[in-house]
Amino acid sequence: MSGISRIKGAIRYLRRGDLAGFWRRLKQYLKQGHAPVYGEKIRTGAGALWCIMTTPHTLFIARSIAKRLSHHGIDCDITTASPAEFNHDFYIVLCAQMFTQLPPGNRRIILQLEQSVSSRWFDDKYLTRLKQSVAVFDYSLRNIEFLHQKHISYPHVFYLPIGQGDSAPTATDKNAKQYDFLFYGDNRSSPRRQHMLAVLQAKYKVKIVDNLFDQDMSDLIRRARIVVNIHYYEGALLETPRIQECLSLGVPVLSESASDQDDYPELAGAVRYFTENSTDDLLLQAGQMLEELEQHERHVRRAVQKSQQRFSFMLDRALVALNLLPLDVMNTHAPYLAENSEIVALSLPETIIRRRQLLTGMPQDTVIFDGVRYQPGWLGCGLSFKLLARHALQQGKHRLTIMEDDAVLPDGFDNRYRIIRSYLDSRDEQWDMFSGVMAEIDPRARILSVEEFEGETFITLDRTMSMVFNIYNKRALEVLAAWNPHDGMSTGIRSTFICKIRMISEWLQRFPSLPDITRSWTPPYGAFTTAIIRK
């Protein structure tokens, strides 16, 4: 973002009297000003040296990050103690509240791993550390929502679901299994854990350990058929760092249910849930899981692979947005999608209010894509559409619906969407993009036809604007997939990516001119105004 653009943005904050917002944005710009220095060292091959500070409990996560950094040619040291001097180029700090000394704020990212359902660690000192860092990574959407309430929010925060650095779990020797279940963690100070484990021990062979780390812990996990995960306190979030470590070693997990478990669809099959606080369901699910153990073990490999894809994409996404990795990392990246679907919702998970609104109103079978972040924002938006279009074509799809997370769908959406698809099918591919809502009409737009179909009015135009809810046919997908983000960057163009869509019709084959009636007739506006660019 240019200095002029930043000044204009600051004036907008001041005009509406939002001094708090002004200071938050100013601080973020100051932090971003430091990051490109380190990113440039990486881009020029100068050999930036990073350091990950971690506790022994989170070594698995530190190593996963280091493996991903190594993929990009970044050397990285891992330490479980504060260095005597902070001589590395950049730092990622896990469990920052456990260290007395931290590297300078302009050279550190904090990966926040505490659960916001407990205020144990979220004191003023810890929150200040988060605010003074270049950025905060967090593994949980619930935590991001909590931090937002503490005025630590987008663009300072990045969502980073935990995953593995490797794409396949370690093979396990079935003959080496010594325990039905393994529990590791603090059980002595948690009465609820003690009670549930006692019930499980009465029926099965259960190993319980605490304060065991690194290779010793990994070896013990491999000797268990199943790892059981029990919350320290009622209402806790899903302990994905622990779960991912177990899956990476080829061991499935029986976990107490959590309110946020649906945020991790990649764990399906590899993790089985029992009802929170229910010892009866604990025993029921434990018995069934042992009987179906081979089936769960088969799901582990898929879960590890999907988790690794998600983790890699989201870590790269954050580092590119911070200018710590070059833009081309995302330009060539495969987008992470939990499942294949004909409807994709584009959303930034860090804009948590919009994400919550999306989750309450999106169509059935919609898959969410965590969009690319970059400055200026239109580049991130453009790359998001490019990655989705390219992925759809690679999957052999000739049609894709993309909705943004601020789309407001009308009553009876399912039936109207069915009618729209039927109409598009009847057009025999003589269309390129269906526009669900149009922000404005270009004065040069020409109406080519108006048709009635099953009670809906379909208006065909030679151009349109807006990407709030569109259906893209193959030719439009090809245009999006071929877009080069460096075109605008190299020439200093500051037009929005939406202009690219407005130009699609100019790149497509034109029909003979029809009378220009746009000045005397305006199509109806609404949540689902229909428009089609026609070849």
Protein backbone atom coordinates (compact mmCIF):
# COMPACT_ATOMS: atom_id res chain seq x y z
CA MET A 1 0.00 0.00 0.00
CA SER A 2 1.40 3.40 -0.94
CA GLY A 3 2.01 6.22 1.53
CA ILE A 4 -0.76 8.27 -0.10
CA SER A 5 -3.23 5.43 0.31
CA ARG A 6 -2.30 5.07 3.96
CA ILE A 7 -2.79 8.79 4.56
CA LYS A 8 -6.22 8.62 2.93
CA GLY A 9 -7.12 5.64 5.10
CA ALA A 10 -6.02 7.50 8.23
CA ILE A 11 -8.15 10.51 7.28
CA ARG A 12 -11.22 8.26 6.93
CA TYR A 13 -10.72 7.00 10.49
CA LEU A 14 -10.33 10.53 11.82
CA ARG A 15 -13.34 11.87 9.91
CA ARG A 16 -15.64 9.38 11.58
CA GLY A 17 -14.05 10.00 14.98
CA ASP A 18 -12.67 6.47 15.34
CA LEU A 19 -9.45 7.29 17.19
CA ALA A 20 -9.03 3.75 18.50
CA GLY A 21 -9.27 2.37 14.97
CA PHE A 22 -6.81 5.00 13.76
CA TRP A 23 -4.20 3.98 16.32
CA ARG A 24 -4.68 0.26 15.70
CA ARG A 25 -4.18 0.71 11.96
CA LEU A 26 -1.19 3.03 12.47
CA LYS A 27 0.52 0.47 14.71
CA GLN A 28 -0.12 -2.26 12.15
CA TYR A 29 1.48 -0.18 9.37
CA LEU A 30 4.53 0.41 11.55
CA LYS A 31 4.87 -3.33 12.17
CA GLN A 32 4.43 -4.15 8.49
CA GLY A 33 7.20 -1.71 7.71
CA HIS A 34 9.74 -4.01 9.35
CA ALA A 35 8.62 -7.29 7.83
CA PRO A 36 9.66 -6.71 4.17
CA VAL A 37 13.33 -6.46 5.24
CA TYR A 38 13.33 -10.10 6.28
CA GLY A 39 11.17 -11.13 3.36
CA GLU A 40 13.66 -9.52 0.98
CA LYS A 41 16.50 -11.57 2.46
CA ILE A 42 14.51 -14.69 1.64
CA ARG A 43 13.57 -13.54 -1.85
CA THR A 44 17.15 -12.60 -2.76
CA GLY A 45 18.64 -15.77 -1.33
CA ALA A 46 20.60 -13.85 1.29
CA GLY A 47 19.95 -16.62 3.80
CA ALA A 48 17.71 -15.39 6.59
CA LEU A 49 18.06 -17.39 9.80
CA TRP A 50 14.92 -17.89 11.86
CA CYS A 51 14.41 -19.21 15.37
CA ILE A 52 11.40 -20.93 16.91
CA MET A 53 11.05 -20.58 20.68
CA THR A 54 8.87 -23.30 22.18
CA THR A 55 8.15 -25.23 25.34
CA PRO A 56 8.84 -29.00 25.42
CA HIS A 57 5.06 -29.61 25.28
CA THR A 58 4.79 -27.95 21.85
CA LEU A 59 7.92 -29.27 20.13
CA PHE A 60 5.73 -31.11 17.64
CA ILE A 61 4.25 -27.82 16.41
CA ALA A 62 7.65 -26.12 16.31
CA ARG A 63 9.04 -28.91 14.15
CA SER A 64 6.04 -28.77 11.82
CA ILE A 65 6.67 -25.04 11.29
CA ALA A 66 10.39 -25.60 10.80
CA LYS A 67 9.73 -28.26 8.17
CA ARG A 68 7.51 -25.88 6.24
CA LEU A 69 10.06 -23.07 6.47
CA SER A 70 12.70 -25.49 5.22
CA HIS A 71 10.48 -26.17 2.21
CA HIS A 72 10.94 -22.49 1.32
CA GLY A 73 14.71 -22.63 1.88
CA ILE A 74 14.63 -20.94 5.29
CA ASP A 75 17.06 -22.17 7.92
CA CYS A 76 15.52 -22.38 11.35
CA ASP A 77 16.76 -23.13 14.86
CA ILE A 78 14.48 -24.50 17.58
CA THR A 79 15.05 -23.69 21.23
CA THR A 80 13.16 -24.44 24.44
CA ALA A 81 14.80 -21.58 26.33
CA SER A 82 15.21 -17.87 25.74
CA PRO A 83 18.50 -17.23 23.89
CA ALA A 84 21.11 -15.15 25.72
CA GLU A 85 21.01 -12.76 22.77
CA PHE A 86 18.41 -12.36 20.06
CA ASN A 87 20.68 -12.55 17.03
CA HIS A 88 18.38 -14.37 14.60
CA ASP A 89 16.69 -12.49 11.79
CA PHE A 90 13.19 -13.45 12.84
CA TYR A 91 11.36 -15.40 15.57
CA ILE A 92 8.20 -17.43 15.98
CA VAL A 93 7.33 -17.85 19.65
CA LEU A 94 5.05 -20.61 20.93
CA CYS A 95 3.57 -20.31 24.43
CA ALA A 96 5.01 -16.83 24.84
CA GLN A 97 3.65 -16.54 28.38
CA MET A 98 6.14 -19.20 29.51
CA PHE A 99 9.20 -17.12 28.62
CA THR A 100 10.56 -14.31 30.78
CA GLN A 101 12.38 -12.68 27.86
CA LEU A 102 11.09 -12.36 24.29
CA PRO A 103 12.77 -11.08 21.11
CA PRO A 104 11.92 -7.52 20.00
CA GLY A 105 8.32 -7.07 18.94
CA ASN A 106 9.24 -6.05 15.40
CA ARG A 107 11.09 -9.35 14.91
CA ARG A 108 8.62 -11.84 16.33
CA ILE A 109 5.35 -13.59 15.64
CA ILE A 110 3.52 -15.17 18.56
CA LEU A 111 1.65 -18.42 17.96
CA GLN A 112 -1.11 -18.20 20.59
CA LEU A 113 -1.91 -21.70 21.91
CA GLU A 114 -3.91 -21.05 25.07
CA GLN A 115 -7.65 -21.71 25.29
CA SER A 116 -9.75 -18.60 25.65
CA VAL A 117 -12.42 -20.52 27.59
CA SER A 118 -10.09 -20.02 30.58
CA SER A 119 -8.71 -16.59 31.53
CA ARG A 120 -5.74 -18.13 33.32
CA TRP A 121 -3.09 -16.75 30.97
CA PHE A 122 -4.86 -13.80 29.36
CA ASP A 123 -3.62 -11.11 31.70
CA ASP A 124 -2.56 -7.58 30.68
CA LYS A 125 1.09 -8.61 30.27
CA TYR A 126 0.27 -11.42 27.87
CA LEU A 127 -2.21 -9.35 25.86
CA THR A 128 0.39 -6.58 25.56
CA ARG A 129 2.92 -9.07 24.23
CA LEU A 130 0.44 -10.13 21.60
CA LYS A 131 -0.32 -6.57 20.57
CA GLN A 132 3.36 -5.58 20.33
CA SER A 133 4.30 -8.46 18.00
CA VAL A 134 4.43 -8.24 14.22
CA ALA A 135 1.46 -10.61 14.15
CA VAL A 136 -0.44 -13.18 16.19
CA PHE A 137 -1.16 -16.67 14.86
CA ASP A 138 -3.97 -18.63 16.53
CA TYR A 139 -5.14 -22.19 15.97
CA SER A 140 -8.78 -21.64 16.98
CA LEU A 141 -11.61 -19.55 15.54
CA ARG A 142 -13.07 -19.34 19.06
CA ASN A 143 -9.82 -17.83 20.29
CA ILE A 144 -9.82 -15.35 17.41
CA GLU A 145 -13.32 -14.31 18.42
CA PHE A 146 -12.12 -13.83 22.01
CA LEU A 147 -9.06 -11.83 20.94
CA HIS A 148 -11.29 -9.63 18.80
CA GLN A 149 -13.12 -8.64 21.97
CA LYS A 150 -9.74 -7.73 23.50
CA HIS A 151 -8.98 -5.43 20.51
CA ILE A 152 -6.47 -7.89 19.02
CA SER A 153 -8.00 -8.54 15.64
CA TYR A 154 -7.69 -8.45 11.86
CA PRO A 155 -5.32 -7.50 10.27
CA HIS A 156 -3.02 -8.28 13.23
CA VAL A 157 -4.31 -11.86 13.69
CA PHE A 158 -3.91 -14.88 11.41
CA TYR A 159 -5.75 -18.20 11.62
CA LEU A 160 -3.36 -21.19 11.67
CA PRO A 161 -5.01 -24.59 12.29
CA ILE A 162 -2.38 -27.02 13.56
CA GLY A 163 -1.11 -29.73 11.23
CA GLN A 164 1.94 -31.78 10.42
CA GLY A 165 5.04 -30.95 8.45
CA ASP A 166 5.00 -34.39 6.79
CA SER A 167 2.32 -35.65 4.43
CA ALA A 168 2.10 -39.19 5.79
CA PRO A 169 1.93 -40.64 9.33
CA THR A 170 4.63 -42.84 10.77
CA ALA A 171 3.94 -46.53 10.27
CA THR A 172 3.18 -48.38 13.50
CA ASP A 173 4.00 -51.95 14.44
CA LYS A 174 0.85 -53.71 15.66
CA ASN A 175 2.96 -56.21 17.59
CA ALA A 176 4.47 -53.33 19.58
CA LYS A 177 1.11 -52.25 21.02
CA GLN A 178 1.13 -52.54 24.81
CA TYR A 179 -1.89 -50.46 25.86
CA ASP A 180 -5.49 -50.15 24.78
CA PHE A 181 -5.49 -46.45 25.62
CA LEU A 182 -2.92 -43.83 26.43
CA PHE A 183 -3.59 -40.55 28.19
CA TYR A 184 -0.84 -37.96 28.51
CA GLY A 185 -1.08 -34.60 30.21
CA ASP A 186 -1.91 -33.16 33.60
CA ASN A 187 -4.47 -35.37 35.32
CA ARG A 188 -3.50 -34.79 38.95
CA SER A 189 -4.98 -31.28 39.16
CA SER A 190 -8.08 -32.06 37.09
CA PRO A 191 -10.74 -34.04 39.02
CA ARG A 192 -12.83 -34.58 35.90
CA ARG A 193 -9.90 -36.19 34.10
CA GLN A 194 -9.17 -38.39 37.12
CA HIS A 195 -12.75 -39.59 37.30
CA MET A 196 -13.05 -40.44 33.59
CA LEU A 197 -9.69 -42.19 33.51
CA ALA A 198 -10.59 -44.26 36.55
CA VAL A 199 -13.76 -45.43 34.79
CA LEU A 200 -11.78 -46.31 31.66
CA GLN A 201 -9.07 -48.12 33.66
CA ALA A 202 -11.67 -50.34 35.29
CA LYS A 203 -12.37 -51.98 31.93
CA TYR A 204 -9.30 -51.46 29.72
CA LYS A 205 -5.53 -51.35 29.91
CA VAL A 206 -4.80 -47.62 30.17
CA LYS A 207 -1.39 -45.92 30.44
CA ILE A 208 -1.29 -42.46 32.05
CA VAL A 209 1.79 -40.23 31.84
CA ASP A 210 2.77 -36.64 32.51
CA ASN A 211 5.96 -34.64 31.89
CA LEU A 212 7.24 -36.94 29.18
CA PHE A 213 8.53 -35.21 26.06
CA ASP A 214 10.16 -35.51 22.67
CA GLN A 215 11.25 -38.95 21.45
CA ASP A 216 10.26 -40.69 24.69
CA MET A 217 6.73 -39.39 24.29
CA SER A 218 6.58 -40.36 20.62
CA ASP A 219 7.72 -43.90 21.39
CA LEU A 220 5.05 -44.26 24.06
CA ILE A 221 2.29 -42.98 21.76
CA ARG A 222 3.25 -45.61 19.18
CA ARG A 223 2.80 -48.34 21.80
CA ALA A 224 -0.87 -47.41 22.29
CA ARG A 225 -3.75 -48.59 20.13
CA ILE A 226 -5.69 -45.38 20.83
CA VAL A 227 -4.93 -42.09 22.56
CA VAL A 228 -7.75 -40.72 24.71
CA ASN A 229 -8.19 -36.96 24.92
CA ILE A 230 -10.09 -35.56 27.91
CA HIS A 231 -10.58 -31.85 28.54
CA TYR A 232 -8.87 -30.31 31.55
CA TYR A 233 -12.04 -28.36 32.30
CA GLU A 234 -15.61 -28.46 31.11
CA GLY A 235 -16.42 -26.57 27.92
CA ALA A 236 -12.86 -26.65 26.60
CA LEU A 237 -11.94 -26.30 22.94
CA LEU A 238 -10.68 -29.25 20.95
CA GLU A 239 -7.02 -29.93 21.81
CA THR A 240 -5.88 -30.11 18.18
CA PRO A 241 -2.13 -29.78 18.92
CA ARG A 242 -2.22 -33.01 20.94
CA ILE A 243 -4.53 -34.74 18.47
CA GLN A 244 -2.38 -33.86 15.48
CA GLU A 245 0.75 -35.15 17.19
CA CYS A 246 -0.91 -38.53 17.77
CA LEU A 247 -2.22 -38.80 14.23
CA SER A 248 1.21 -37.97 12.84
CA LEU A 249 2.46 -41.09 14.63
CA GLY A 250 -0.28 -43.23 13.08
CA VAL A 251 -2.44 -43.51 16.22
CA PRO A 252 -6.17 -42.62 16.16
CA VAL A 253 -7.76 -40.57 18.94
CA LEU A 254 -10.84 -40.92 21.12
CA SER A 255 -11.69 -37.39 22.20
CA GLU A 256 -14.24 -35.76 24.44
CA SER A 257 -16.56 -33.70 22.25
CA ALA A 258 -15.99 -29.96 21.91
CA SER A 259 -18.09 -27.06 20.67
CA ASP A 260 -15.56 -26.29 17.92
CA GLN A 261 -14.94 -29.80 16.60
CA ASP A 262 -16.79 -29.03 13.35
CA ASP A 263 -14.06 -26.48 12.56
CA TYR A 264 -11.79 -29.45 11.78
CA PRO A 265 -13.54 -31.60 9.15
CA GLU A 266 -10.17 -33.02 8.11
CA LEU A 267 -10.14 -35.12 11.32
CA ALA A 268 -13.24 -37.12 10.32
CA GLY A 269 -12.79 -40.84 10.89
CA ALA A 270 -9.39 -40.55 12.54
CA VAL A 271 -10.92 -38.98 15.65
CA ARG A 272 -13.98 -40.42 17.38
CA TYR A 273 -15.92 -38.29 19.89
CA PHE A 274 -17.72 -39.20 23.09
CA THR A 275 -20.28 -36.91 24.71
CA GLU A 276 -18.78 -34.34 27.05
CA ASN A 277 -18.99 -35.35 30.75
CA SER A 278 -20.53 -38.75 29.91
CA THR A 279 -18.61 -41.76 31.25
CA ASP A 280 -21.28 -44.04 29.79
CA ASP A 281 -20.63 -42.74 26.30
CA LEU A 282 -16.88 -42.83 26.94
CA LEU A 283 -17.09 -46.58 27.55
CA LEU A 284 -19.49 -47.12 24.65
CA GLN A 285 -17.30 -45.28 22.12
CA ALA A 286 -14.13 -46.85 23.52
CA GLY A 287 -15.48 -50.35 22.99
CA GLN A 288 -16.74 -49.61 19.48
CA MET A 289 -13.50 -47.92 18.53
CA LEU A 290 -11.42 -50.93 19.57
CA GLU A 291 -13.70 -53.18 17.51
CA GLU A 292 -13.37 -50.88 14.48
CA LEU A 293 -9.71 -50.00 15.02
CA GLU A 294 -8.51 -50.94 11.53
CA GLN A 295 -11.14 -48.70 9.98
CA HIS A 296 -10.01 -45.75 12.12
CA GLU A 297 -6.36 -46.44 11.31
CA ARG A 298 -7.18 -46.23 7.59
CA HIS A 299 -8.72 -42.80 8.17
CA VAL A 300 -5.59 -41.57 9.95
CA ARG A 301 -3.56 -41.36 6.76
CA ARG A 302 -6.20 -39.24 5.01
CA ALA A 303 -6.61 -37.01 8.05
CA VAL A 304 -2.86 -36.43 8.27
CA GLN A 305 -2.63 -35.59 4.58
CA LYS A 306 -5.57 -33.16 4.71
CA SER A 307 -4.27 -31.55 7.90
CA GLN A 308 -0.83 -31.13 6.36
CA GLN A 309 -2.34 -29.49 3.27
CA ARG A 310 -4.38 -27.12 5.40
CA PHE A 311 -1.49 -26.26 7.70
CA SER A 312 0.91 -25.64 4.82
CA PHE A 313 -1.56 -23.44 2.96
CA MET A 314 -2.48 -21.38 6.00
CA LEU A 315 1.11 -20.89 7.18
CA ASP A 316 2.23 -19.84 3.70
CA ARG A 317 -0.82 -17.57 3.43
CA ALA A 318 0.14 -15.75 6.63
CA LEU A 319 3.84 -15.38 5.79
CA VAL A 320 3.06 -14.07 2.30
CA ALA A 321 0.61 -11.54 3.74
CA LEU A 322 3.36 -10.35 6.09
CA ASN A 323 5.83 -10.05 3.19
CA LEU A 324 8.02 -12.73 4.76
CA LEU A 325 7.55 -14.91 1.68
CA PRO A 326 7.21 -13.73 -1.94
CA LEU A 327 3.78 -13.39 -3.54
CA ASP A 328 4.51 -16.17 -6.03
CA VAL A 329 4.29 -18.70 -3.19
CA MET A 330 0.53 -18.17 -3.23
CA ASN A 331 0.31 -17.55 -6.97
CA THR A 332 1.34 -21.18 -7.58
CA HIS A 333 -0.30 -22.69 -4.48
CA ALA A 334 -3.15 -25.17 -4.56
CA PRO A 335 -6.07 -23.84 -2.50
CA TYR A 336 -7.06 -25.82 0.57
CA LEU A 337 -10.68 -27.02 0.40
CA ALA A 338 -12.02 -29.51 2.92
CA GLU A 339 -14.22 -31.17 0.30
CA ASN A 340 -15.21 -30.80 -3.33
CA SER A 341 -18.42 -28.85 -3.91
CA GLU A 342 -20.12 -26.88 -6.65
CA ILE A 343 -20.50 -23.91 -4.25
CA VAL A 344 -17.49 -22.24 -2.61
CA ALA A 345 -17.79 -19.46 -0.05
CA LEU A 346 -14.85 -17.05 -0.05
CA SER A 347 -14.12 -15.74 3.43
CA LEU A 348 -11.31 -14.49 5.65
CA PRO A 349 -11.50 -16.43 8.93
CA GLU A 350 -9.86 -13.54 10.79
CA THR A 351 -12.83 -11.26 10.02
CA ILE A 352 -14.64 -13.32 12.60
CA ILE A 353 -17.98 -11.47 12.63
CA ARG A 354 -18.44 -12.00 8.90
CA ARG A 355 -17.33 -15.63 9.25
CA ARG A 356 -19.96 -16.27 11.94
CA GLN A 357 -22.65 -14.67 9.78
CA LEU A 358 -21.61 -16.85 6.86
CA LEU A 359 -21.81 -20.03 8.94
CA THR A 360 -25.39 -19.27 9.94
CA GLY A 361 -26.68 -18.59 6.44
CA MET A 362 -24.68 -20.34 3.73
CA PRO A 363 -26.32 -22.93 1.43
CA GLN A 364 -26.12 -26.61 2.22
CA ASP A 365 -23.01 -28.42 0.93
CA THR A 366 -21.07 -25.16 0.64
CA VAL A 367 -17.33 -25.46 1.26
CA ILE A 368 -15.47 -22.49 2.73
CA PHE A 369 -12.22 -21.23 1.23
CA ASP A 370 -10.00 -19.16 3.53
CA GLY A 371 -9.05 -16.45 1.05
CA VAL A 372 -5.58 -15.15 0.31
CA ARG A 373 -4.50 -12.05 2.24
CA TYR A 374 -2.24 -9.42 0.71
CA GLN A 375 -1.77 -5.67 0.46
CA PRO A 376 -3.28 -4.05 -1.50
CA GLY A 377 -6.39 -6.04 -0.72
CA TRP A 378 -7.54 -6.43 -4.33
CA LEU A 379 -4.47 -8.58 -5.04
CA GLY A 380 -5.45 -11.01 -2.29
CA CYS A 381 -8.99 -11.08 -3.64
CA GLY A 382 -7.75 -11.62 -7.18
CA LEU A 383 -5.46 -14.47 -6.15
CA SER A 384 -8.29 -16.14 -4.27
CA PHE A 385 -10.46 -16.24 -7.39
CA LYS A 386 -7.51 -17.31 -9.52
CA LEU A 387 -6.67 -20.27 -7.24
CA LEU A 388 -10.29 -21.40 -7.08
CA ALA A 389 -10.73 -21.16 -10.86
CA ARG A 390 -7.51 -23.02 -11.60
CA HIS A 391 -8.38 -25.72 -9.06
CA ALA A 392 -11.85 -26.19 -10.57
CA LEU A 393 -10.41 -26.62 -14.06
CA GLN A 394 -7.80 -29.07 -12.79
CA GLN A 395 -10.62 -31.08 -11.22
CA GLY A 396 -12.39 -31.20 -14.57
CA LYS A 397 -15.18 -28.83 -13.55
CA HIS A 398 -16.70 -26.56 -16.19
CA ARG A 399 -18.87 -24.61 -13.78
CA LEU A 400 -18.26 -23.17 -10.30
CA THR A 401 -20.36 -21.03 -7.97
CA ILE A 402 -18.38 -18.62 -5.77
CA MET A 403 -20.09 -16.52 -3.11
CA GLU A 404 -18.43 -13.97 -0.86
CA ASP A 405 -19.15 -14.04 2.84
CA ASP A 406 -21.23 -10.84 2.76
CA ALA A 407 -23.76 -12.28 0.33
CA VAL A 408 -27.35 -12.07 1.65
CA LEU A 409 -29.37 -14.90 0.17
CA PRO A 410 -33.11 -14.47 -0.48
CA ASP A 411 -35.93 -16.54 0.96
CA GLY A 412 -36.46 -19.67 -1.09
CA PHE A 413 -32.84 -19.69 -2.23
CA ASP A 414 -32.65 -23.45 -2.86
CA ASN A 415 -35.53 -23.42 -5.33
CA ARG A 416 -34.33 -20.28 -7.11
CA TYR A 417 -30.81 -21.71 -7.37
CA ARG A 418 -32.29 -24.87 -8.92
CA ILE A 419 -34.19 -22.77 -11.48
CA ILE A 420 -31.05 -20.78 -12.32
CA ARG A 421 -29.02 -23.92 -12.93
CA SER A 422 -31.80 -25.37 -15.09
CA TYR A 423 -31.92 -22.19 -17.14
CA LEU A 424 -28.14 -22.15 -17.59
CA ASP A 425 -28.27 -25.77 -18.70
CA SER A 426 -30.88 -24.80 -21.31
CA ARG A 427 -28.57 -22.15 -22.72
CA ASP A 428 -26.31 -24.88 -24.15
CA GLU A 429 -23.14 -23.19 -22.87
CA GLN A 430 -23.99 -19.88 -24.56
CA TRP A 431 -23.09 -17.91 -21.46
CA ASP A 432 -19.98 -17.20 -19.44
CA MET A 433 -20.96 -15.81 -16.07
CA PHE A 434 -24.18 -15.59 -14.10
CA SER A 435 -24.25 -12.59 -11.75
CA GLY A 436 -26.36 -13.01 -8.63
CA VAL A 437 -26.18 -9.37 -7.59
CA MET A 438 -24.97 -6.35 -9.55
CA ALA A 439 -23.43 -3.42 -7.69
CA GLU A 440 -23.94 -1.05 -10.61
CA ILE A 441 -24.59 -0.94 -14.34
CA ASP A 442 -21.82 0.16 -16.63
CA PRO A 443 -23.11 2.96 -18.92
CA ARG A 444 -21.71 0.99 -21.86
CA ALA A 445 -23.63 -2.18 -20.98
CA ARG A 446 -26.02 -3.47 -23.61
CA ILE A 447 -29.03 -5.68 -22.92
CA LEU A 448 -28.98 -8.56 -25.38
CA SER A 449 -32.13 -10.39 -24.31
CA VAL A 450 -34.79 -10.69 -21.61
CA GLU A 451 -36.34 -14.12 -21.02
CA GLU A 452 -38.82 -15.70 -18.64
CA PHE A 453 -38.03 -19.16 -17.28
CA GLU A 454 -40.05 -20.95 -14.57
CA GLY A 455 -41.25 -17.65 -13.12
CA GLU A 456 -37.83 -15.93 -13.11
CA THR A 457 -36.65 -13.11 -15.37
CA PHE A 458 -33.20 -13.61 -16.91
CA ILE A 459 -31.47 -10.60 -18.45
CA THR A 460 -28.49 -11.14 -20.71
CA LEU A 461 -25.93 -8.32 -20.79
CA ASP A 462 -22.60 -7.92 -22.53
CA ARG A 463 -20.89 -6.86 -19.29
CA THR A 464 -21.52 -6.79 -15.55
CA MET A 465 -19.93 -5.88 -12.25
CA SER A 466 -19.66 -7.52 -8.80
CA MET A 467 -18.45 -10.85 -7.52
CA VAL A 468 -20.73 -11.25 -4.52
CA PHE A 469 -22.49 -14.35 -5.87
CA ASN A 470 -21.55 -15.53 -9.34
CA ILE A 471 -21.63 -18.74 -11.33
CA TYR A 472 -18.66 -19.06 -13.68
CA ASN A 473 -18.69 -21.17 -16.81
CA LYS A 474 -15.59 -22.77 -18.28
CA ARG A 475 -14.46 -19.81 -20.37
CA ALA A 476 -14.76 -17.36 -17.47
CA LEU A 477 -12.87 -19.81 -15.25
CA GLU A 478 -10.09 -19.92 -17.83
CA VAL A 479 -9.84 -16.13 -17.82
CA LEU A 480 -9.63 -16.05 -14.02
CA ALA A 481 -7.11 -18.89 -13.89
CA ALA A 482 -4.86 -17.12 -16.43
CA TRP A 483 -4.81 -13.81 -14.54
CA ASN A 484 -1.32 -12.69 -13.60
CA PRO A 485 -1.15 -10.67 -10.36
CA HIS A 486 2.16 -9.17 -11.45
CA ASP A 487 0.47 -7.32 -14.34
CA GLY A 488 -1.03 -4.75 -12.00
CA MET A 489 1.97 -4.69 -9.66
CA SER A 490 4.56 -4.03 -12.35
CA THR A 491 2.69 -1.10 -13.89
CA GLY A 492 1.56 0.43 -10.63
CA ILE A 493 -2.10 -0.04 -11.46
CA ARG A 494 -4.34 0.48 -8.42
CA SER A 495 -7.62 -0.51 -10.03
CA THR A 496 -9.56 -3.18 -8.20
CA PHE A 497 -9.60 -6.79 -9.26
CA ILE A 498 -13.30 -6.42 -9.96
CA CYS A 499 -12.29 -4.49 -13.07
CA LYS A 500 -10.88 -7.74 -14.38
CA ILE A 501 -14.34 -9.26 -14.25
CA ARG A 502 -15.87 -6.22 -15.92
CA MET A 503 -13.44 -6.79 -18.78
CA ILE A 504 -14.27 -10.46 -19.25
CA SER A 505 -16.99 -9.62 -21.72
CA GLU A 506 -14.56 -7.58 -23.80
CA TRP A 507 -12.28 -10.59 -24.11
CA LEU A 508 -15.14 -12.85 -25.15
CA GLN A 509 -16.69 -13.21 -28.55
CA ARG A 510 -19.22 -10.40 -29.25
CA PHE A 511 -22.67 -10.70 -30.75
CA PRO A 512 -23.88 -8.14 -33.29
CA SER A 513 -24.88 -4.86 -31.67
CA LEU A 514 -28.40 -4.47 -30.39
CA PRO A 515 -30.20 -1.17 -29.71
CA ASP A 516 -28.82 0.53 -26.61
CA ILE A 517 -31.79 0.66 -24.22
CA THR A 518 -29.89 0.79 -20.93
CA ARG A 519 -30.66 4.49 -20.42
CA SER A 520 -34.42 3.98 -20.64
CA TRP A 521 -34.69 0.61 -18.89
CA THR A 522 -32.99 -0.51 -15.68
CA PRO A 523 -33.15 -4.15 -14.52
CA PRO A 524 -34.63 -4.77 -11.07
CA TYR A 525 -32.21 -4.79 -8.16
CA GLY A 526 -32.40 -7.13 -5.22
CA ALA A 527 -30.68 -9.98 -3.47
CA PHE A 528 -30.79 -12.07 -6.60
CA THR A 529 -30.94 -9.81 -9.63
CA THR A 530 -29.92 -11.98 -12.57
CA ALA A 531 -27.53 -11.13 -15.33
CA ILE A 532 -25.57 -13.19 -17.79
CA ILE A 533 -22.58 -12.25 -19.90
CA ARG A 534 -23.17 -13.79 -23.27
CA LYS A 535 -20.57 -14.84 -25.81
